[in-house]
Amino acid sequence: MRDDPEALEIAIGHRFANREILDRALTHSSHAHEKMLEESAAAPRDNEQLEFLGDSILGFLISESLVQRFPEYPEGRLSKIKAHLVSAAYLHEVAQRLEIGKYLELGRGEEMSGGRGKRTLLVDAVEALIAAIYLDGGMEAAREFVNNQVVGGAESTAAMIEERIPRSVVDFKSALQELAQARKLPQPRYTIIRERGPEHSKTFTIEVRVGRDLAGQAEGFTKKSAAQKAAREVYERLLAQS
């Protein structure tokens, strides 16, 4: 049994004029198919088409938000951040934060198999919800939801947003190179300051320098990891100067 979606409306800050569109956004195909087989009940529409629409709206609004917030970022950097914000892994976090699973209409089979916690169902519901907000309240209402619940509020800085991105997603050497280029600064130069330890377990200290005044050092068990850490330090300091 699902919870009353009114609590979800409060959480997202949007009251639906058309509650039917909200119910549809939260209705999984398993529930719709089940109802269709029951002669006594009219089959409700599921959220698959809304998910399709919401995916496109989400991509557009995130692109718009990132370009407006970070006009100095090159296209490659924006693309990496966007890829994270629209990823299933991140949208799953959004769904969990809003506890969307509690409000889903599921078929008995999905209910019994733990559908309220399944990542695919939750991510689809987030995208469907975005479409429902757009259809009910227009683009401005959808924009407010995406900015607040997905990208983060107006107080979110570049560093705060990028902090959410898994380390494996971020190539800070490339990010620093792109940011230096955008700021018309000299390209980063990397220098091995020292190596210590036995051959099978060395530690490397790498310095990265951008021009004469901006430099950072970091240690790592490989030259690559040390360079990435040093690049991140300088990258974040450079962002803070914006």
C-alpha atoms as a PDB file:
ATOM      1  CA  MET A   1       0.000   0.000   0.000  1.00  0.00           C
ATOM      2  CA  ARG A   2       1.449   3.329  -1.006  1.00  0.00           C
ATOM      3  CA  ASP A   3       1.588   6.501   1.071  1.00  0.00           C
ATOM      4  CA  ASP A   4      -0.557   9.534   0.266  1.00  0.00           C
ATOM      5  CA  PRO A   5       1.210  11.487  -2.542  1.00  0.00           C
ATOM      6  CA  GLU A   6       0.262  14.740  -0.812  1.00  0.00           C
ATOM      7  CA  ALA A   7       3.376  14.327   1.318  1.00  0.00           C
ATOM      8  CA  LEU A   8       5.454  14.154  -1.859  1.00  0.00           C
ATOM      9  CA  GLU A   9       3.879  17.390  -3.109  1.00  0.00           C
ATOM     10  CA  ILE A  10       4.988  19.076   0.110  1.00  0.00           C
ATOM     11  CA  ALA A  11       8.509  17.676  -0.238  1.00  0.00           C
ATOM     12  CA  ILE A  12       8.960  18.908  -3.815  1.00  0.00           C
ATOM     13  CA  GLY A  13       7.205  22.233  -3.244  1.00  0.00           C
ATOM     14  CA  HIS A  14       4.603  21.823  -6.002  1.00  0.00           C
ATOM     15  CA  ARG A  15       0.861  21.384  -5.514  1.00  0.00           C
ATOM     16  CA  PHE A  16      -0.712  19.691  -8.507  1.00  0.00           C
ATOM     17  CA  ALA A  17      -3.781  21.300 -10.019  1.00  0.00           C
ATOM     18  CA  ASN A  18      -4.298  18.018 -11.853  1.00  0.00           C
ATOM     19  CA  ARG A  19      -3.773  15.181  -9.384  1.00  0.00           C
ATOM     20  CA  GLU A  20      -4.401  12.648 -12.151  1.00  0.00           C
ATOM     21  CA  ILE A  21      -1.093  13.546 -13.817  1.00  0.00           C
ATOM     22  CA  LEU A  22       0.738  13.036 -10.508  1.00  0.00           C
ATOM     23  CA  ASP A  23      -0.915   9.642 -10.026  1.00  0.00           C
ATOM     24  CA  ARG A  24       0.104   8.662 -13.546  1.00  0.00           C
ATOM     25  CA  ALA A  25       3.735   9.667 -12.899  1.00  0.00           C
ATOM     26  CA  LEU A  26       3.767   7.329  -9.909  1.00  0.00           C
ATOM     27  CA  THR A  27       2.029   4.391 -11.621  1.00  0.00           C
ATOM     28  CA  HIS A  28       4.288   1.547 -12.736  1.00  0.00           C
ATOM     29  CA  SER A  29       3.313  -0.543 -15.764  1.00  0.00           C
ATOM     30  CA  SER A  30       2.886  -3.622 -13.544  1.00  0.00           C
ATOM     31  CA  HIS A  31      -0.015  -1.932 -11.747  1.00  0.00           C
ATOM     32  CA  ALA A  32      -1.595  -0.708 -14.997  1.00  0.00           C
ATOM     33  CA  HIS A  33      -1.385  -4.177 -16.558  1.00  0.00           C
ATOM     34  CA  GLU A  34      -2.878  -5.749 -13.470  1.00  0.00           C
ATOM     35  CA  LYS A  35      -5.837  -3.379 -13.509  1.00  0.00           C
ATOM     36  CA  MET A  36      -6.352  -3.960 -17.219  1.00  0.00           C
ATOM     37  CA  LEU A  37      -6.943  -7.658 -16.494  1.00  0.00           C
ATOM     38  CA  GLU A  38      -9.590  -6.842 -13.908  1.00  0.00           C
ATOM     39  CA  GLU A  39     -12.799  -6.367 -15.833  1.00  0.00           C
ATOM     40  CA  SER A  40     -14.335  -4.329 -13.057  1.00  0.00           C
ATOM     41  CA  ALA A  41     -11.673  -1.629 -13.138  1.00  0.00           C
ATOM     42  CA  ALA A  42     -10.667   0.854 -15.824  1.00  0.00           C
ATOM     43  CA  ALA A  43      -6.975   0.515 -16.566  1.00  0.00           C
ATOM     44  CA  PRO A  44      -4.928   3.521 -15.396  1.00  0.00           C
ATOM     45  CA  ARG A  45      -2.183   4.885 -17.606  1.00  0.00           C
ATOM     46  CA  ASP A  46       1.370   4.080 -16.537  1.00  0.00           C
ATOM     47  CA  ASN A  47       4.338   6.448 -16.344  1.00  0.00           C
ATOM     48  CA  GLU A  48       6.388   5.194 -19.306  1.00  0.00           C
ATOM     49  CA  GLN A  49       5.529   8.040 -21.694  1.00  0.00           C
ATOM     50  CA  LEU A  50       6.039  10.606 -18.942  1.00  0.00           C
ATOM     51  CA  GLU A  51       9.447   9.071 -18.246  1.00  0.00           C
ATOM     52  CA  PHE A  52      10.328   9.558 -21.947  1.00  0.00           C
ATOM     53  CA  LEU A  53       9.291  13.215 -21.843  1.00  0.00           C
ATOM     54  CA  GLY A  54      10.893  13.873 -18.474  1.00  0.00           C
ATOM     55  CA  ASP A  55      14.268  12.574 -19.649  1.00  0.00           C
ATOM     56  CA  SER A  56      14.385  15.241 -22.381  1.00  0.00           C
ATOM     57  CA  ILE A  57      13.182  18.030 -20.093  1.00  0.00           C
ATOM     58  CA  LEU A  58      15.752  17.069 -17.466  1.00  0.00           C
ATOM     59  CA  GLY A  59      18.616  17.139 -19.970  1.00  0.00           C
ATOM     60  CA  PHE A  60      17.614  20.557 -21.273  1.00  0.00           C
ATOM     61  CA  LEU A  61      17.119  22.138 -17.848  1.00  0.00           C
ATOM     62  CA  ILE A  62      20.406  20.823 -16.474  1.00  0.00           C
ATOM     63  CA  SER A  63      22.268  22.135 -19.537  1.00  0.00           C
ATOM     64  CA  GLU A  64      20.569  25.507 -19.124  1.00  0.00           C
ATOM     65  CA  SER A  65      21.369  25.672 -15.403  1.00  0.00           C
ATOM     66  CA  LEU A  66      25.039  24.749 -15.807  1.00  0.00           C
ATOM     67  CA  VAL A  67      25.617  27.250 -18.619  1.00  0.00           C
ATOM     68  CA  GLN A  68      24.001  30.033 -16.577  1.00  0.00           C
ATOM     69  CA  ARG A  69      25.858  29.193 -13.355  1.00  0.00           C
ATOM     70  CA  PHE A  70      29.290  28.546 -14.808  1.00  0.00           C
ATOM     71  CA  PRO A  71      29.748  30.645 -17.975  1.00  0.00           C
ATOM     72  CA  GLU A  72      33.529  30.227 -17.832  1.00  0.00           C
ATOM     73  CA  TYR A  73      33.397  26.430 -18.067  1.00  0.00           C
ATOM     74  CA  PRO A  74      34.386  24.824 -21.399  1.00  0.00           C
ATOM     75  CA  GLU A  75      31.964  22.454 -23.081  1.00  0.00           C
ATOM     76  CA  GLY A  76      33.908  19.358 -22.036  1.00  0.00           C
ATOM     77  CA  ARG A  77      33.711  20.218 -18.332  1.00  0.00           C
ATOM     78  CA  LEU A  78      30.003  20.994 -18.523  1.00  0.00           C
ATOM     79  CA  SER A  79      29.375  17.709 -20.316  1.00  0.00           C
ATOM     80  CA  LYS A  80      31.086  15.725 -17.558  1.00  0.00           C
ATOM     81  CA  ILE A  81      29.029  17.383 -14.843  1.00  0.00           C
ATOM     82  CA  LYS A  82      25.808  16.957 -16.821  1.00  0.00           C
ATOM     83  CA  ALA A  83      26.561  13.277 -17.449  1.00  0.00           C
ATOM     84  CA  HIS A  84      26.771  12.747 -13.700  1.00  0.00           C
ATOM     85  CA  LEU A  85      23.616  14.730 -12.880  1.00  0.00           C
ATOM     86  CA  VAL A  86      21.480  12.774 -15.369  1.00  0.00           C
ATOM     87  CA  SER A  87      23.019   9.397 -14.518  1.00  0.00           C
ATOM     88  CA  ALA A  88      20.900   6.627 -13.029  1.00  0.00           C
ATOM     89  CA  ALA A  89      23.199   6.474 -10.007  1.00  0.00           C
ATOM     90  CA  TYR A  90      22.648  10.137  -9.153  1.00  0.00           C
ATOM     91  CA  LEU A  91      18.910  10.210  -9.936  1.00  0.00           C
ATOM     92  CA  HIS A  92      18.569   7.190  -7.655  1.00  0.00           C
ATOM     93  CA  GLU A  93      19.986   9.357  -4.854  1.00  0.00           C
ATOM     94  CA  VAL A  94      17.420  12.061  -5.675  1.00  0.00           C
ATOM     95  CA  ALA A  95      14.616   9.472  -5.561  1.00  0.00           C
ATOM     96  CA  GLN A  96      15.821   8.133  -2.221  1.00  0.00           C
ATOM     97  CA  ARG A  97      16.080  11.611  -0.743  1.00  0.00           C
ATOM     98  CA  LEU A  98      12.466  12.323  -1.751  1.00  0.00           C
ATOM     99  CA  GLU A  99      11.398   8.795  -0.698  1.00  0.00           C
ATOM    100  CA  ILE A 100       9.564   8.373  -4.006  1.00  0.00           C
ATOM    101  CA  GLY A 101       9.351   4.604  -3.519  1.00  0.00           C
ATOM    102  CA  LYS A 102       6.714   5.092  -0.816  1.00  0.00           C
ATOM    103  CA  TYR A 103       4.305   6.704  -3.287  1.00  0.00           C
ATOM    104  CA  LEU A 104       4.528   4.287  -6.229  1.00  0.00           C
ATOM    105  CA  GLU A 105       1.528   2.321  -7.481  1.00  0.00           C
ATOM    106  CA  LEU A 106       2.910  -1.186  -8.126  1.00  0.00           C
ATOM    107  CA  GLY A 107       1.499  -4.490  -9.228  1.00  0.00           C
ATOM    108  CA  ARG A 108       1.427  -7.270  -6.664  1.00  0.00           C
ATOM    109  CA  GLY A 109       4.430  -9.008  -8.225  1.00  0.00           C
ATOM    110  CA  GLU A 110       6.583  -5.881  -8.118  1.00  0.00           C
ATOM    111  CA  GLU A 111       5.406  -5.126  -4.594  1.00  0.00           C
ATOM    112  CA  MET A 112       6.374  -8.593  -3.391  1.00  0.00           C
ATOM    113  CA  SER A 113       9.775  -8.460  -5.097  1.00  0.00           C
ATOM    114  CA  GLY A 114      10.786  -5.174  -3.445  1.00  0.00           C
ATOM    115  CA  GLY A 115       9.894  -2.849  -6.313  1.00  0.00           C
ATOM    116  CA  ARG A 116       9.746   0.197  -4.060  1.00  0.00           C
ATOM    117  CA  GLY A 117      13.502  -0.035  -3.630  1.00  0.00           C
ATOM    118  CA  LYS A 118      14.487  -0.958  -7.193  1.00  0.00           C
ATOM    119  CA  ARG A 119      16.798   1.601  -8.746  1.00  0.00           C
ATOM    120  CA  THR A 120      15.292   1.400 -12.251  1.00  0.00           C
ATOM    121  CA  LEU A 121      11.750   2.003 -11.005  1.00  0.00           C
ATOM    122  CA  LEU A 122      12.838   4.913  -8.826  1.00  0.00           C
ATOM    123  CA  VAL A 123      14.880   6.615 -11.549  1.00  0.00           C
ATOM    124  CA  ASP A 124      12.011   6.229 -14.023  1.00  0.00           C
ATOM    125  CA  ALA A 125       9.655   7.772 -11.472  1.00  0.00           C
ATOM    126  CA  VAL A 126      11.907  10.823 -11.008  1.00  0.00           C
ATOM    127  CA  GLU A 127      11.926  11.457 -14.766  1.00  0.00           C
ATOM    128  CA  ALA A 128       8.154  10.901 -14.964  1.00  0.00           C
ATOM    129  CA  LEU A 129       7.639  13.297 -12.049  1.00  0.00           C
ATOM    130  CA  ILE A 130       9.605  16.006 -13.871  1.00  0.00           C
ATOM    131  CA  ALA A 131       7.336  15.595 -16.902  1.00  0.00           C
ATOM    132  CA  ALA A 132       4.242  15.677 -14.686  1.00  0.00           C
ATOM    133  CA  ILE A 133       5.367  18.917 -13.038  1.00  0.00           C
ATOM    134  CA  TYR A 134       6.006  20.418 -16.489  1.00  0.00           C
ATOM    135  CA  LEU A 135       2.583  19.389 -17.811  1.00  0.00           C
ATOM    136  CA  ASP A 136       0.834  20.612 -14.667  1.00  0.00           C
ATOM    137  CA  GLY A 137       2.719  23.807 -13.909  1.00  0.00           C
ATOM    138  CA  GLY A 138       4.758  24.672 -16.993  1.00  0.00           C
ATOM    139  CA  MET A 139       8.471  24.939 -17.646  1.00  0.00           C
ATOM    140  CA  GLU A 140       9.136  27.318 -14.764  1.00  0.00           C
ATOM    141  CA  ALA A 141       7.771  24.808 -12.232  1.00  0.00           C
ATOM    142  CA  ALA A 142       9.892  22.038 -13.771  1.00  0.00           C
ATOM    143  CA  ARG A 143      12.919  24.340 -13.760  1.00  0.00           C
ATOM    144  CA  GLU A 144      12.461  25.063 -10.054  1.00  0.00           C
ATOM    145  CA  PHE A 145      12.278  21.343  -9.261  1.00  0.00           C
ATOM    146  CA  VAL A 146      15.385  20.473 -11.301  1.00  0.00           C
ATOM    147  CA  ASN A 147      17.417  23.363  -9.897  1.00  0.00           C
ATOM    148  CA  ASN A 148      16.476  22.633  -6.286  1.00  0.00           C
ATOM    149  CA  GLN A 149      16.290  18.833  -6.225  1.00  0.00           C
ATOM    150  CA  VAL A 150      18.782  17.760  -8.906  1.00  0.00           C
ATOM    151  CA  VAL A 151      21.375  20.471  -9.540  1.00  0.00           C
ATOM    152  CA  GLY A 152      21.108  21.997  -6.077  1.00  0.00           C
ATOM    153  CA  GLY A 153      19.895  25.369  -4.809  1.00  0.00           C
ATOM    154  CA  ALA A 154      21.235  28.738  -5.899  1.00  0.00           C
ATOM    155  CA  GLU A 155      23.863  28.536  -3.160  1.00  0.00           C
ATOM    156  CA  SER A 156      25.500  25.489  -4.785  1.00  0.00           C
ATOM    157  CA  THR A 157      28.944  26.433  -6.089  1.00  0.00           C
ATOM    158  CA  ALA A 158      30.909  24.656  -8.795  1.00  0.00           C
ATOM    159  CA  ALA A 159      33.050  22.956  -6.165  1.00  0.00           C
ATOM    160  CA  MET A 160      29.966  21.791  -4.229  1.00  0.00           C
ATOM    161  CA  ILE A 161      28.406  20.259  -7.339  1.00  0.00           C
ATOM    162  CA  GLU A 162      31.620  18.600  -8.458  1.00  0.00           C
ATOM    163  CA  GLU A 163      32.197  17.210  -4.975  1.00  0.00           C
ATOM    164  CA  ARG A 164      29.227  14.903  -5.610  1.00  0.00           C
ATOM    165  CA  ILE A 165      30.854  13.406  -8.698  1.00  0.00           C
ATOM    166  CA  PRO A 166      32.667  10.115  -8.012  1.00  0.00           C
ATOM    167  CA  ARG A 167      36.420  10.474  -8.263  1.00  0.00           C
ATOM    168  CA  SER A 168      36.502   7.972 -11.121  1.00  0.00           C
ATOM    169  CA  VAL A 169      34.311  10.305 -13.191  1.00  0.00           C
ATOM    170  CA  VAL A 170      36.495  13.372 -12.801  1.00  0.00           C
ATOM    171  CA  ASP A 171      39.758  13.810 -14.667  1.00  0.00           C
ATOM    172  CA  PHE A 172      41.151  16.769 -12.750  1.00  0.00           C
ATOM    173  CA  LYS A 173      44.193  17.082 -15.021  1.00  0.00           C
ATOM    174  CA  SER A 174      41.902  17.654 -18.009  1.00  0.00           C
ATOM    175  CA  ALA A 175      39.585  19.857 -15.943  1.00  0.00           C
ATOM    176  CA  LEU A 176      42.500  22.037 -14.814  1.00  0.00           C
ATOM    177  CA  GLN A 177      43.834  22.310 -18.353  1.00  0.00           C
ATOM    178  CA  GLU A 178      40.417  23.374 -19.660  1.00  0.00           C
ATOM    179  CA  LEU A 179      39.862  25.879 -16.859  1.00  0.00           C
ATOM    180  CA  ALA A 180      43.321  27.400 -17.303  1.00  0.00           C
ATOM    181  CA  GLN A 181      42.625  27.761 -21.010  1.00  0.00           C
ATOM    182  CA  ALA A 182      39.248  29.385 -20.317  1.00  0.00           C
ATOM    183  CA  ARG A 183      40.919  31.858 -17.921  1.00  0.00           C
ATOM    184  CA  LYS A 184      43.685  32.554 -20.475  1.00  0.00           C
ATOM    185  CA  LEU A 185      46.353  31.252 -18.082  1.00  0.00           C
ATOM    186  CA  PRO A 186      49.508  29.259 -18.933  1.00  0.00           C
ATOM    187  CA  GLN A 187      48.968  25.519 -19.332  1.00  0.00           C
ATOM    188  CA  PRO A 188      49.680  23.412 -16.194  1.00  0.00           C
ATOM    189  CA  ARG A 189      53.205  21.981 -15.827  1.00  0.00           C
ATOM    190  CA  TYR A 190      53.819  18.820 -13.780  1.00  0.00           C
ATOM    191  CA  THR A 191      57.095  18.032 -12.039  1.00  0.00           C
ATOM    192  CA  ILE A 192      58.158  15.016  -9.970  1.00  0.00           C
ATOM    193  CA  ILE A 193      59.462  16.548  -6.744  1.00  0.00           C
ATOM    194  CA  ARG A 194      60.579  13.297  -5.128  1.00  0.00           C
ATOM    195  CA  GLU A 195      60.252   9.537  -5.042  1.00  0.00           C
ATOM    196  CA  ARG A 196      60.642   7.545  -1.857  1.00  0.00           C
ATOM    197  CA  GLY A 197      60.295   3.966  -0.705  1.00  0.00           C
ATOM    198  CA  PRO A 198      61.332   0.627  -2.216  1.00  0.00           C
ATOM    199  CA  GLU A 199      60.743  -0.135  -5.891  1.00  0.00           C
ATOM    200  CA  HIS A 200      57.680  -2.289  -5.207  1.00  0.00           C
ATOM    201  CA  SER A 201      56.046   0.355  -2.983  1.00  0.00           C
ATOM    202  CA  LYS A 202      57.116   3.834  -4.050  1.00  0.00           C
ATOM    203  CA  THR A 203      55.434   7.088  -3.080  1.00  0.00           C
ATOM    204  CA  PHE A 204      55.586   9.966  -5.546  1.00  0.00           C
ATOM    205  CA  THR A 205      55.276  13.685  -4.855  1.00  0.00           C
ATOM    206  CA  ILE A 206      54.096  15.684  -7.866  1.00  0.00           C
ATOM    207  CA  GLU A 207      53.894  19.451  -8.196  1.00  0.00           C
ATOM    208  CA  VAL A 208      51.608  21.165 -10.667  1.00  0.00           C
ATOM    209  CA  ARG A 209      52.136  24.797 -11.506  1.00  0.00           C
ATOM    210  CA  VAL A 210      49.969  27.216 -13.464  1.00  0.00           C
ATOM    211  CA  GLY A 211      52.039  30.293 -14.221  1.00  0.00           C
ATOM    212  CA  ARG A 212      54.392  31.579 -11.534  1.00  0.00           C
ATOM    213  CA  ASP A 213      51.973  32.122  -8.657  1.00  0.00           C
ATOM    214  CA  LEU A 214      49.631  29.123  -8.595  1.00  0.00           C
ATOM    215  CA  ALA A 215      51.042  25.754  -7.551  1.00  0.00           C
ATOM    216  CA  GLY A 216      50.111  22.650  -5.565  1.00  0.00           C
ATOM    217  CA  GLN A 217      51.729  19.393  -4.468  1.00  0.00           C
ATOM    218  CA  ALA A 218      50.327  15.968  -3.634  1.00  0.00           C
ATOM    219  CA  GLU A 219      51.526  12.439  -2.897  1.00  0.00           C
ATOM    220  CA  GLY A 220      50.354   9.174  -4.399  1.00  0.00           C
ATOM    221  CA  PHE A 221      51.388   5.580  -4.880  1.00  0.00           C
ATOM    222  CA  THR A 222      51.524   6.198  -8.627  1.00  0.00           C
ATOM    223  CA  LYS A 223      52.600   9.258 -10.600  1.00  0.00           C
ATOM    224  CA  LYS A 224      49.132   9.394 -12.118  1.00  0.00           C
ATOM    225  CA  SER A 225      47.268   9.483  -8.803  1.00  0.00           C
ATOM    226  CA  ALA A 226      49.658  12.066  -7.358  1.00  0.00           C
ATOM    227  CA  ALA A 227      49.227  14.274 -10.423  1.00  0.00           C
ATOM    228  CA  GLN A 228      45.431  13.992 -10.205  1.00  0.00           C
ATOM    229  CA  LYS A 229      45.445  14.988  -6.533  1.00  0.00           C
ATOM    230  CA  ALA A 230      47.730  17.946  -7.185  1.00  0.00           C
ATOM    231  CA  ALA A 231      45.606  19.015 -10.155  1.00  0.00           C
ATOM    232  CA  ARG A 232      42.477  18.875  -8.031  1.00  0.00           C
ATOM    233  CA  GLU A 233      44.010  21.102  -5.362  1.00  0.00           C
ATOM    234  CA  VAL A 234      44.973  23.783  -7.877  1.00  0.00           C
ATOM    235  CA  TYR A 235      41.715  23.383  -9.811  1.00  0.00           C
ATOM    236  CA  GLU A 236      39.598  24.019  -6.705  1.00  0.00           C
ATOM    237  CA  ARG A 237      41.737  27.005  -5.673  1.00  0.00           C
ATOM    238  CA  LEU A 238      41.367  28.455  -9.161  1.00  0.00           C
ATOM    239  CA  LEU A 239      37.583  27.953  -9.074  1.00  0.00           C
ATOM    240  CA  ALA A 240      37.415  29.696  -5.709  1.00  0.00           C
ATOM    241  CA  GLN A 241      38.925  32.798  -7.296  1.00  0.00           C
ATOM    242  CA  SER A 242      35.967  33.174  -9.666  1.00  0.00           C
END
